[in-house]
Every structure is written in C-alpha cells, then in structure tokens.
Amino acid sequence: MNFNFKKVLLTVGVIFAIFIGFQSGVETGKNLVICRVCQPEDIDFSLFWQTYNVLKEKFINPEKFDNQKIIYGAISGMTKTLDDPYTVFYNPEETKEFEEQLSGTFEGVGMEIDIKNGQLIVIAPLEGTPAQKAGLRPGDKIIKINNLETFEMSVEEAIGLIRGPKGTEVTLTIIRDGWETAQDIKVIREVIKIPSLKWELIDNDIAYVRIYQFSENLNFEFRKKAIEILNSPAKKVILDLRNNPGGYLEVAQYVAGWFLEKNKTVVIEDFGQDKEKNIYRSEGNGEFYQYPTVVLINQGSASASEILAGALRDNYNAKLIGEKSFGKGSIQEQVRLEKDSSVKITVAKWLTPKGISISGVGLEPDIEVEMTDEDYQENRDPQLEKAIEFIKNL
C-alpha cells in the first residue's frame, strides 16, 4: 500500500483550517455573517448583528431581550418588505390560531378582516357570531381597536387585538359609507363555531343553499346536503356566497364539481414571469348541471367564493346577483416551518376560466341589488328576493 504522506498532511491541514475557521466564525459571526446557502446572491447580515449587539448592550430593559422573539420579528419584517398583505409569517401561537380558524373553531368575535387601499376593513362578519349580532357589515372600516389607531397596523396585529377569551369585550371604532361620523361598536367575544352551510326549500322547487366558509369539513357537509337536495322536489338552485370570506381552494373546486360537467376549468393559477399556468378542473359528478342556478354575492364574498362564482358564470352561465365582490384574486400556500411556525405565501394570482383577473377589482354582478341601512334594520333581503324572482323564470 502506498502511503502518501503529503496527501495526509494536506488533508489534516484542511481539517485544521476548517476547524480554526469555524471557531473564528463563531466569535466574529455576530459582526459579519454571509449566508452562503442563499443562492443566487449572498446576503450580508452584518448590519443585523451590529444592531443586535448595540441593542443588547444599551437597551434600558435587558429583561425584555428575548432572542426567539427577535428572530420571529426579523422574519416577520422580511415578509412585510414584499408589500403583500397576504404573505405573512406566523409564530407557533399564530400558526395554531390560523389553523383553528380554517377548521371552524376559535375564540373571538367572528369576522374576516383585511387591508384594502391601506385601510383595515371588514370583509365579512360570519353567520351567527358576535360580530354579526353587533351589527358589523362587509365594507366597514376599522379605524381603532380599543382606542388604538389601526393606521399602518397589520392584519395579524389587528387580529391579535380583536381576538381574546370568551366573555371579554373589544371596542371597534367604525366608519361606514353613509355615516357622517365614526361610531364605537362593542362586541363580546365568544367561542366561534363557524357553520359550513345550510339549505332550505323555497316555493316547493328552489333549493336555497348558503355556504358560510370553505372550511376543511365542507366537502363532507356539502355532499350530505347535496344528496338531500337531489332527493327533494328541488329543480333549481340559489347558491348564496354572501359574506363568505373564502377558505380552501380545493374545497371550492370540489363544490364546483357538483355543478359543472367533468374536466371543466374551475380556476387558473397564474404564477407569473412566463411560468406555466396551473389549471384546476372540475372532478365531480355534475349532479346539479341540469339545475338552473343563480349565485348571490356581495363585498363580503372573497377568495374561494369568487373562484366558485367566477367558475359557475364562465362555464355555466350562472347569473351573479347582488353587489361587487371583494376582489381577493391571489392564492396563498401555507408552509410549515421549524418549531411549529409557518409562513403563508402568495404563490399565484388566479384567473377565472375565461382568463379574467379580479385581484383588487372584484366580480361585477350581472344584476346589481344593493342592501340599504333600512333593509338591514328591517331584516329585509332584496337580493334574495331578486334571485327568487329571477330564477322562477328560468
């Protein structure tokens, strides 16, 4: 066996150099860290560590210095630089809250909020929740939460202030179109259990189906209700997606499959930058394909609601009745990270089957019917009345 002394010496020297370099990096890394795995560009973290060291040395309350919170804050700040309100980092507690909301149970007031044109806004109060009972409506602008200004407040910060243990109170200062001044609305928090859907028979042959949210359990619930409808005298469908803030895209795709022939385009994912588009197609049995259908929407109809409404109009010529929808035309993917954290990322814009983007614009109804303050106060529903009048002639 040939013993290559020079090769062994070189190997030992390299290992020793790596060890010395590692030790040196540990000592100096807080002043200068270059991320070598962040391709294609290197990232200089020296300013981050310089700020960290200055804060740790000089901040007046060292007991508040929490390394884990600093990391979470830095990651959250990174997502905010993308200037996309839907790309968000969730720490473990926020991840749990987000997943509880999609599963249909959490403690709070029961409404979906978002930022539109720089203003914190109510997308929709959910059915039977304290928010709905207190009189909150889609489009309400929230300018204060417990007397704290919401200007430049993120959606996540607002949710953190609005949610809380059942039985406690939160005060929302609201501006509404038609109001001369802002008003305080006090809401008592409860355990929120979001229903999936309900249906009833109207005028002996119209199935009125209300979907509240595209939650993870809706597939099972919709199938159960659909079988009931198919075994009833119903021959027509009014699908009510008002105040439905969305949920899972795949659930909207599943529901669309009951109304569309197999393999019809439900929604197109546009990833931009010349990337190949992804097409979601109907996979169901199309049992309601022969049922004349109209869809109710309003400014509380968002995300998956708009996907379903757009798919039924483009493929099925279903008429949309009510008010313009919210216009959340982007798709998010939740990616689980280490230590039970996660990041919700906008990965694509979605287009209706005819290739129309509604991001920031919304779906325009074919028949516009507004709800007035008097309608709400008198518990009247001219939108549903119009839908019934229209579908009787189909």
Protein backbone atom coordinates (compact mmCIF):
# COMPACT_ATOMS: atom_id res chain seq x y z
CA MET A 1 0.00 0.00 0.00
CA ASN A 2 1.44 3.38 -0.97
CA PHE A 3 1.45 5.86 1.89
CA ASN A 4 1.05 9.38 0.53
CA PHE A 5 2.39 11.49 3.41
CA LYS A 6 1.88 14.77 1.55
CA LYS A 7 -1.76 13.94 0.83
CA VAL A 8 -2.41 13.06 4.51
CA LEU A 9 -0.66 16.21 5.64
CA LEU A 10 -2.71 18.27 3.24
CA THR A 11 -5.92 16.64 4.47
CA VAL A 12 -5.03 17.27 8.12
CA GLY A 13 -4.16 20.85 7.24
CA VAL A 14 -7.52 21.39 5.54
CA ILE A 15 -9.41 19.93 8.51
CA PHE A 16 -7.41 22.10 10.90
CA ALA A 17 -8.09 25.19 8.76
CA ILE A 18 -11.80 24.41 8.70
CA PHE A 19 -11.84 24.00 12.49
CA ILE A 20 -9.97 27.29 13.02
CA GLY A 21 -12.27 28.99 10.54
CA PHE A 22 -15.34 27.63 12.33
CA GLN A 23 -14.12 28.81 15.71
CA SER A 24 -13.28 32.20 14.26
CA GLY A 25 -16.71 32.37 12.64
CA VAL A 26 -18.42 31.66 15.95
CA GLU A 27 -16.56 34.57 17.56
CA THR A 28 -16.95 37.07 14.75
CA GLY A 29 -20.17 35.90 13.12
CA LYS A 30 -22.30 38.33 15.07
CA ASN A 31 -20.44 41.19 13.39
CA LEU A 32 -20.39 39.75 9.87
CA VAL A 33 -22.45 36.83 8.60
CA ILE A 34 -22.63 35.94 4.93
CA CYS A 35 -25.35 33.43 4.09
CA ARG A 36 -23.62 31.05 1.70
CA VAL A 37 -26.72 28.92 1.09
CA CYS A 38 -28.87 31.82 -0.12
CA GLN A 39 -28.46 31.44 -3.86
CA PRO A 40 -28.09 33.08 -6.28
CA GLU A 41 -26.95 36.09 -4.21
CA ASP A 42 -25.02 36.30 -0.96
CA ILE A 43 -26.73 38.18 1.85
CA ASP A 44 -24.74 40.36 4.24
CA PHE A 45 -26.17 40.09 7.76
CA SER A 46 -23.53 42.30 9.37
CA LEU A 47 -25.97 45.19 9.92
CA PHE A 48 -28.42 42.82 11.59
CA TRP A 49 -25.81 41.57 14.05
CA GLN A 50 -24.44 45.06 14.63
CA THR A 51 -27.92 46.25 15.58
CA TYR A 52 -28.46 43.16 17.73
CA ASN A 53 -25.26 43.80 19.69
CA VAL A 54 -26.00 47.51 20.16
CA LEU A 55 -29.49 46.73 21.44
CA LYS A 56 -28.26 44.04 23.78
CA GLU A 57 -25.56 46.33 25.16
CA LYS A 58 -27.53 49.56 25.53
CA PHE A 59 -31.28 48.80 25.80
CA ILE A 60 -32.57 50.04 29.15
CA ASN A 61 -34.64 46.93 29.94
CA PRO A 62 -32.42 43.90 29.27
CA GLU A 63 -35.02 41.56 30.76
CA LYS A 64 -37.17 42.23 27.68
CA PHE A 65 -34.42 40.95 25.39
CA ASP A 66 -35.85 37.67 24.00
CA ASN A 67 -33.77 36.05 21.28
CA GLN A 68 -36.67 33.95 19.97
CA LYS A 69 -38.95 36.97 19.66
CA ILE A 70 -36.16 38.82 17.87
CA ILE A 71 -35.91 36.02 15.31
CA TYR A 72 -39.69 35.95 14.83
CA GLY A 73 -39.74 39.73 14.45
CA ALA A 74 -36.94 39.68 11.90
CA ILE A 75 -38.69 37.02 9.81
CA SER A 76 -41.99 38.88 10.04
CA GLY A 77 -40.26 42.08 8.93
CA MET A 78 -38.78 40.23 5.96
CA THR A 79 -42.23 39.18 4.74
CA LYS A 80 -43.56 42.73 5.19
CA THR A 81 -40.94 44.14 2.80
CA LEU A 82 -42.72 42.26 -0.02
CA ASP A 83 -45.64 44.70 0.38
CA ASP A 84 -48.20 41.90 0.07
CA PRO A 85 -50.77 41.76 2.90
CA TYR A 86 -51.35 38.05 2.24
CA THR A 87 -47.72 36.92 2.62
CA VAL A 88 -47.31 36.55 6.37
CA PHE A 89 -45.08 34.78 8.89
CA TYR A 90 -46.88 33.04 11.76
CA ASN A 91 -45.11 32.18 15.01
CA PRO A 92 -46.30 28.93 16.70
CA GLU A 93 -49.20 30.61 18.50
CA GLU A 94 -50.35 32.43 15.36
CA THR A 95 -50.00 29.23 13.32
CA LYS A 96 -52.31 27.45 15.74
CA GLU A 97 -54.86 30.28 15.59
CA PHE A 98 -54.77 30.36 11.78
CA GLU A 99 -55.35 26.62 11.51
CA GLU A 100 -58.12 26.73 14.14
CA GLN A 101 -59.92 29.37 12.10
CA LEU A 102 -59.82 27.24 8.96
CA SER A 103 -61.01 24.23 10.93
CA GLY A 104 -64.00 26.25 12.10
CA THR A 105 -63.48 26.90 15.84
CA PHE A 106 -61.72 29.72 17.72
CA GLU A 107 -62.39 32.41 20.34
CA GLY A 108 -63.07 35.95 19.21
CA VAL A 109 -65.80 38.00 17.53
CA GLY A 110 -66.22 36.00 14.31
CA MET A 111 -65.35 38.14 11.33
CA GLU A 112 -62.83 38.17 8.50
CA ILE A 113 -60.76 41.34 8.13
CA ASP A 114 -58.24 42.55 5.58
CA ILE A 115 -56.43 45.62 4.34
CA LYS A 116 -57.79 47.33 1.23
CA ASN A 117 -56.38 50.58 -0.12
CA GLY A 118 -54.31 50.87 3.06
CA GLN A 119 -57.36 50.65 5.34
CA LEU A 120 -58.28 47.87 7.76
CA ILE A 121 -61.67 46.66 6.60
CA VAL A 122 -64.29 44.06 7.48
CA ILE A 123 -64.62 41.51 4.69
CA ALA A 124 -67.46 39.67 6.34
CA PRO A 125 -68.98 39.01 9.76
CA LEU A 126 -69.58 35.26 9.96
CA GLU A 127 -73.00 33.75 10.46
CA GLY A 128 -74.37 33.76 13.99
CA THR A 129 -71.26 35.34 15.52
CA PRO A 130 -70.92 38.27 17.95
CA ALA A 131 -69.67 40.43 15.06
CA GLN A 132 -72.85 39.82 13.09
CA LYS A 133 -75.07 40.27 16.13
CA ALA A 134 -73.34 43.58 16.95
CA GLY A 135 -74.26 44.90 13.51
CA LEU A 136 -70.88 44.85 11.76
CA ARG A 137 -71.13 44.67 7.96
CA PRO A 138 -68.92 43.98 4.95
CA GLY A 139 -67.02 47.11 3.99
CA ASP A 140 -66.92 48.63 7.49
CA LYS A 141 -63.62 50.44 8.05
CA ILE A 142 -61.97 49.78 11.42
CA ILE A 143 -60.06 52.90 12.45
CA LYS A 144 -59.49 51.99 16.11
CA ILE A 145 -59.37 48.81 18.21
CA ASN A 146 -59.81 49.50 21.92
CA ASN A 147 -58.89 53.12 21.15
CA LEU A 148 -55.65 52.13 19.36
CA GLU A 149 -55.27 53.63 15.89
CA THR A 150 -55.16 51.00 13.14
CA PHE A 151 -53.17 53.17 10.71
CA GLU A 152 -50.24 51.07 9.43
CA MET A 153 -51.39 48.15 11.64
CA SER A 154 -51.01 44.75 10.00
CA VAL A 155 -53.90 42.31 9.73
CA GLU A 156 -52.11 39.98 12.14
CA GLU A 157 -51.68 42.74 14.73
CA ALA A 158 -55.36 43.63 14.41
CA ILE A 159 -56.43 40.01 14.80
CA GLY A 160 -54.29 39.73 17.91
CA LEU A 161 -56.10 42.71 19.45
CA ILE A 162 -59.60 41.68 18.38
CA ARG A 163 -59.41 38.06 19.49
CA GLY A 164 -59.46 37.09 23.13
CA PRO A 165 -61.06 34.90 25.76
CA LYS A 166 -64.80 34.41 25.62
CA GLY A 167 -66.79 36.82 27.77
CA THR A 168 -64.36 39.70 27.32
CA GLU A 169 -65.16 42.88 25.39
CA VAL A 170 -63.49 44.62 22.47
CA THR A 171 -64.44 48.08 21.18
CA LEU A 172 -64.15 48.74 17.45
CA THR A 173 -64.36 52.27 16.09
CA ILE A 174 -66.06 52.02 12.72
CA ILE A 175 -66.55 54.25 9.71
CA ARG A 176 -69.29 53.15 7.32
CA ASP A 177 -70.33 54.57 3.98
CA GLY A 178 -73.25 56.91 4.61
CA TRP A 179 -72.25 57.70 8.20
CA GLU A 180 -71.25 61.27 8.98
CA THR A 181 -69.05 60.31 11.94
CA ALA A 182 -67.30 57.22 13.26
CA GLN A 183 -69.12 55.08 15.83
CA ASP A 184 -67.92 52.72 18.54
CA ILE A 185 -69.27 49.18 18.39
CA LYS A 186 -68.70 46.99 21.44
CA VAL A 187 -68.51 43.25 20.88
CA ILE A 188 -68.41 40.48 23.50
CA ARG A 189 -66.08 37.67 22.46
CA GLU A 190 -67.35 34.10 22.30
CA VAL A 191 -66.19 30.67 21.19
CA ILE A 192 -66.74 30.86 17.46
CA LYS A 193 -68.07 27.79 15.70
CA ILE A 194 -68.46 28.54 12.04
CA PRO A 195 -71.22 26.55 10.34
CA SER A 196 -70.42 25.05 6.96
CA LEU A 197 -73.69 25.56 5.15
CA LYS A 198 -77.44 25.30 5.35
CA TRP A 199 -80.18 24.75 2.82
CA GLU A 200 -83.96 25.05 2.66
CA LEU A 201 -86.67 24.56 0.09
CA ILE A 202 -88.31 27.74 -1.25
CA ASP A 203 -91.56 27.78 -3.25
CA ASN A 204 -91.56 23.99 -3.49
CA ASP A 205 -88.86 23.66 -6.16
CA ILE A 206 -85.98 26.07 -5.31
CA ALA A 207 -83.07 24.86 -3.17
CA TYR A 208 -81.61 27.82 -1.32
CA VAL A 209 -78.04 26.87 -0.34
CA ARG A 210 -75.99 29.16 1.91
CA ILE A 211 -72.25 28.43 2.19
CA TYR A 212 -70.59 30.34 5.04
CA GLN A 213 -66.94 29.41 4.54
CA PHE A 214 -64.89 26.93 2.51
CA SER A 215 -63.53 25.20 5.58
CA GLU A 216 -61.85 21.81 5.64
CA ASN A 217 -65.03 19.98 6.66
CA LEU A 218 -67.24 21.47 3.93
CA ASN A 219 -66.66 18.66 1.42
CA PHE A 220 -68.34 16.13 3.70
CA GLU A 221 -71.13 18.52 4.71
CA PHE A 222 -71.86 19.64 1.14
CA ARG A 223 -72.07 16.07 -0.11
CA LYS A 224 -74.54 15.22 2.65
CA LYS A 225 -76.73 18.26 1.88
CA ALA A 226 -76.45 17.73 -1.89
CA ILE A 227 -77.90 14.23 -1.54
CA GLU A 228 -80.79 15.69 0.47
CA ILE A 229 -81.44 18.26 -2.28
CA LEU A 230 -81.31 15.64 -5.03
CA ASN A 231 -83.89 13.59 -3.13
CA SER A 232 -86.15 16.64 -2.64
CA PRO A 233 -88.63 18.29 -5.08
CA ALA A 234 -85.99 20.99 -5.83
CA LYS A 235 -85.30 21.63 -9.52
CA LYS A 236 -83.44 24.95 -9.24
CA VAL A 237 -80.63 26.28 -7.00
CA ILE A 238 -79.86 29.64 -5.43
CA LEU A 239 -76.27 29.49 -4.19
CA ASP A 240 -75.65 32.17 -1.57
CA LEU A 241 -71.97 33.13 -1.17
CA ARG A 242 -72.57 36.48 0.52
CA ASN A 243 -70.32 37.27 3.49
CA ASN A 244 -68.27 34.17 2.67
CA PRO A 245 -64.60 35.19 3.06
CA GLY A 246 -63.21 32.08 1.37
CA GLY A 247 -61.07 29.23 2.64
CA TYR A 248 -59.53 26.29 0.82
CA LEU A 249 -59.27 26.46 -2.97
CA GLU A 250 -59.62 22.68 -3.28
CA VAL A 251 -62.93 22.84 -1.42
CA ALA A 252 -64.28 25.40 -3.88
CA GLN A 253 -63.09 23.11 -6.67
CA TYR A 254 -64.96 20.21 -5.07
CA VAL A 255 -68.22 22.17 -4.81
CA ALA A 256 -67.86 23.35 -8.42
CA GLY A 257 -67.73 19.70 -9.47
CA TRP A 258 -71.36 19.27 -8.44
CA PHE A 259 -72.46 21.99 -10.89
CA LEU A 260 -70.09 21.54 -13.84
CA GLU A 261 -69.51 18.75 -16.28
CA LYS A 262 -66.34 16.79 -15.61
CA ASN A 263 -62.99 18.34 -16.61
CA LYS A 264 -64.25 21.93 -16.94
CA THR A 265 -61.87 24.70 -15.86
CA VAL A 266 -62.65 25.95 -12.36
CA VAL A 267 -59.76 28.37 -11.90
CA ILE A 268 -56.39 29.14 -13.48
CA GLU A 269 -53.34 29.73 -11.30
CA ASP A 270 -51.04 32.29 -12.88
CA PHE A 271 -47.55 32.12 -11.34
CA GLY A 272 -46.26 35.00 -13.49
CA GLN A 273 -42.86 35.51 -15.12
CA ASP A 274 -43.58 33.17 -18.04
CA LYS A 275 -44.14 30.23 -15.67
CA GLU A 276 -46.54 27.53 -16.72
CA LYS A 277 -50.08 28.12 -15.53
CA ASN A 278 -51.83 25.52 -13.41
CA ILE A 279 -55.44 24.68 -14.24
CA TYR A 280 -57.84 23.32 -11.64
CA ARG A 281 -60.63 21.33 -13.29
CA SER A 282 -63.95 20.02 -12.09
CA GLU A 283 -63.74 16.43 -10.89
CA GLY A 284 -67.22 15.76 -9.55
CA ASN A 285 -70.35 14.17 -10.87
CA GLY A 286 -72.08 17.33 -12.13
CA GLU A 287 -75.35 16.28 -10.49
CA PHE A 288 -76.66 19.87 -10.48
CA TYR A 289 -75.62 20.59 -14.06
CA GLN A 290 -79.23 20.45 -15.25
CA TYR A 291 -80.46 22.66 -12.39
CA PRO A 292 -80.84 26.36 -13.30
CA THR A 293 -78.62 28.20 -10.81
CA VAL A 294 -78.04 31.79 -9.70
CA VAL A 295 -75.34 32.97 -7.31
CA LEU A 296 -75.65 35.68 -4.65
CA ILE A 297 -72.51 37.75 -3.94
CA ASN A 298 -71.61 40.93 -2.09
CA GLN A 299 -68.48 42.75 -0.96
CA GLY A 300 -68.07 40.10 1.74
CA SER A 301 -67.61 37.40 -0.93
CA ALA A 302 -63.89 36.83 -1.26
CA SER A 303 -61.20 34.38 -2.34
CA ALA A 304 -62.66 30.87 -2.78
CA SER A 305 -66.16 32.38 -3.02
CA GLU A 306 -65.06 34.42 -6.00
CA ILE A 307 -63.40 31.37 -7.53
CA LEU A 308 -66.64 29.39 -7.37
CA ALA A 309 -68.82 32.29 -8.54
CA GLY A 310 -66.48 33.01 -11.48
CA ALA A 311 -66.34 29.34 -12.46
CA LEU A 312 -70.12 28.97 -12.49
CA ARG A 313 -70.61 32.15 -14.50
CA ASP A 314 -67.90 31.41 -17.10
CA ASN A 315 -68.77 27.72 -17.59
CA TYR A 316 -72.41 27.50 -16.63
CA ASN A 317 -73.70 30.97 -17.46
CA ALA A 318 -74.96 31.27 -13.90
CA LYS A 319 -76.03 34.85 -13.20
CA LEU A 320 -74.46 36.71 -10.29
CA ILE A 321 -76.88 38.83 -8.26
CA GLY A 322 -76.10 41.35 -5.53
CA GLU A 323 -73.06 43.59 -5.12
CA LYS A 324 -69.48 43.56 -6.38
CA SER A 325 -67.31 41.02 -4.60
CA PHE A 326 -64.23 41.85 -2.52
CA GLY A 327 -61.54 41.18 -5.12
CA LYS A 328 -59.06 38.87 -3.39
CA GLY A 329 -57.62 37.31 -6.52
CA SER A 330 -54.47 35.74 -5.15
CA ILE A 331 -53.63 32.28 -3.88
CA GLN A 332 -51.71 31.54 -0.71
CA GLU A 333 -49.83 28.44 0.33
CA GLN A 334 -49.15 27.69 3.97
CA VAL A 335 -45.68 26.20 4.50
CA ARG A 336 -44.87 24.64 7.86
CA LEU A 337 -41.51 25.70 9.29
CA GLU A 338 -39.39 24.64 12.21
CA LYS A 339 -40.61 24.88 15.81
CA ASP A 340 -44.31 24.82 14.79
CA SER A 341 -44.09 28.11 12.91
CA SER A 342 -45.36 28.64 9.38
CA VAL A 343 -45.41 31.15 6.57
CA LYS A 344 -48.40 31.94 4.37
CA ILE A 345 -47.10 32.92 0.94
CA THR A 346 -48.81 34.42 -2.08
CA VAL A 347 -47.71 31.99 -4.80
CA ALA A 348 -50.00 32.96 -7.66
CA LYS A 349 -52.80 35.10 -8.96
CA TRP A 350 -55.92 33.33 -10.04
CA LEU A 351 -57.91 33.88 -13.18
CA THR A 352 -61.49 32.89 -13.98
CA PRO A 353 -61.92 30.19 -16.64
CA LYS A 354 -62.14 32.95 -19.28
CA GLY A 355 -58.78 34.33 -18.14
CA ILE A 356 -60.09 37.34 -16.24
CA SER A 357 -58.22 38.52 -13.14
CA ILE A 358 -60.25 40.19 -10.41
CA SER A 359 -57.42 40.91 -7.97
CA GLY A 360 -58.25 44.20 -6.29
CA VAL A 361 -61.26 44.65 -8.57
CA GLY A 362 -63.85 42.02 -7.72
CA LEU A 363 -66.58 40.31 -9.70
CA GLU A 364 -69.28 42.61 -11.03
CA PRO A 365 -72.79 41.18 -10.57
CA ASP A 366 -74.93 40.62 -13.65
CA ILE A 367 -77.86 42.05 -11.71
CA GLU A 368 -76.90 44.65 -9.12
CA VAL A 369 -79.04 44.91 -6.00
CA GLU A 370 -77.83 46.91 -3.01
CA MET A 371 -78.70 46.41 0.65
CA THR A 372 -79.59 49.67 2.41
CA ASP A 373 -79.35 50.50 6.11
CA GLU A 374 -83.12 50.29 6.24
CA ASP A 375 -83.03 46.79 4.72
CA TYR A 376 -80.67 45.62 7.46
CA GLN A 377 -82.69 47.27 10.20
CA GLU A 378 -85.98 45.85 8.95
CA ASN A 379 -84.42 42.43 8.28
CA ARG A 380 -85.30 42.60 4.59
CA ASP A 381 -83.31 40.84 1.88
CA PRO A 382 -83.97 42.39 -1.54
CA GLN A 383 -81.02 40.48 -3.03
CA LEU A 384 -82.53 37.12 -2.19
CA GLU A 385 -85.94 38.35 -3.30
CA LYS A 386 -84.47 39.32 -6.68
CA ALA A 387 -82.77 35.94 -7.00
CA ILE A 388 -86.06 34.14 -6.34
CA GLU A 389 -87.91 36.37 -8.84
CA PHE A 390 -85.23 35.79 -11.48
CA ILE A 391 -84.87 32.02 -11.09
CA LYS A 392 -88.62 31.43 -11.29
CA ASN A 393 -88.41 32.44 -14.96
CA LEU A 394 -85.57 30.05 -15.79
